[in-house]
Amino acid sequence: MLSTYTAKYTRISHGYMGQLIEWPEVITEGATLEECREMLQDALREMILAYQQLEKEIPLCTVASSAF
């Protein structure tokens, strides 16, 4: 089973802004869409670590399952 968050990307004057729909505090910017995606993944990892250290509940995400 794979857990995923939904990302929203917006074109801005100097590149792209990315934000997670289910966890709006996870937000970042990048010069290109690919850079923004990479930075958003990094921001998510960092937020998960911070929430774990603070013993805060991590927002729920979409759960994707594979059918065999």
Protein backbone atom coordinates (compact mmCIF):
# COMPACT_ATOMS: atom_id res chain seq x y z
CA MET A 1 0.00 0.00 0.00
CA LEU A 2 1.29 3.45 -0.93
CA SER A 3 0.35 6.72 0.76
CA THR A 4 0.24 9.82 -1.40
CA TYR A 5 -0.56 13.49 -1.04
CA THR A 6 -2.13 15.63 -3.75
CA ALA A 7 0.09 18.46 -5.00
CA LYS A 8 -1.14 21.68 -6.58
CA TYR A 9 1.29 23.63 -8.78
CA THR A 10 0.80 27.26 -9.72
CA ARG A 11 2.81 29.20 -12.27
CA ILE A 12 4.24 32.35 -10.65
CA SER A 13 6.39 35.15 -12.05
CA HIS A 14 9.70 33.47 -11.24
CA GLY A 15 8.79 29.80 -11.68
CA TYR A 16 6.34 27.55 -9.85
CA MET A 17 4.78 27.29 -6.42
CA GLY A 18 3.85 23.85 -5.10
CA GLN A 19 1.57 23.06 -2.16
CA LEU A 20 -0.01 19.91 -0.76
CA ILE A 21 -3.81 19.99 -0.78
CA GLU A 22 -4.20 17.80 2.31
CA TRP A 23 -1.40 19.60 4.22
CA PRO A 24 -1.33 23.28 3.13
CA GLU A 25 1.61 24.11 5.41
CA VAL A 26 3.83 22.08 3.04
CA ILE A 27 4.57 24.71 0.39
CA THR A 28 7.59 25.68 -1.67
CA GLU A 29 8.76 27.35 -4.86
CA GLY A 30 11.10 26.38 -7.67
CA ALA A 31 12.43 27.92 -10.86
CA THR A 32 11.12 24.97 -12.91
CA LEU A 33 8.26 22.55 -12.38
CA GLU A 34 10.73 19.69 -11.84
CA GLU A 35 12.68 21.69 -9.26
CA CYS A 36 9.44 22.60 -7.51
CA ARG A 37 8.42 18.92 -7.38
CA GLU A 38 11.76 17.93 -5.89
CA MET A 39 11.62 20.73 -3.33
CA LEU A 40 8.04 19.81 -2.40
CA GLN A 41 9.08 16.21 -1.74
CA ASP A 42 11.93 17.50 0.44
CA ALA A 43 9.58 19.89 2.26
CA LEU A 44 7.21 16.98 2.95
CA ARG A 45 10.02 14.86 4.42
CA GLU A 46 11.12 17.75 6.63
CA MET A 47 7.55 18.44 7.83
CA ILE A 48 7.02 14.78 8.69
CA LEU A 49 10.23 14.82 10.76
CA ALA A 50 9.26 18.06 12.49
CA TYR A 51 5.76 16.81 13.31
CA GLN A 52 7.18 13.56 14.67
CA GLN A 53 9.65 15.44 16.88
CA LEU A 54 6.86 17.67 18.18
CA GLU A 55 4.59 14.65 18.58
CA LYS A 56 1.97 16.34 16.41
CA GLU A 57 -0.51 14.37 14.34
CA ILE A 58 0.48 14.14 10.69
CA PRO A 59 -2.40 15.12 8.37
CA LEU A 60 -4.05 12.23 6.56
CA CYS A 61 -3.25 11.63 2.93
CA THR A 62 -4.80 9.65 0.12
CA VAL A 63 -4.14 5.94 0.35
CA ALA A 64 -3.50 4.31 -3.01
CA SER A 65 -3.60 0.54 -3.30
CA SER A 66 -2.43 -1.75 -6.06
CA ALA A 67 -4.68 -4.38 -7.56
CA PHE A 68 -2.99 -7.58 -8.63
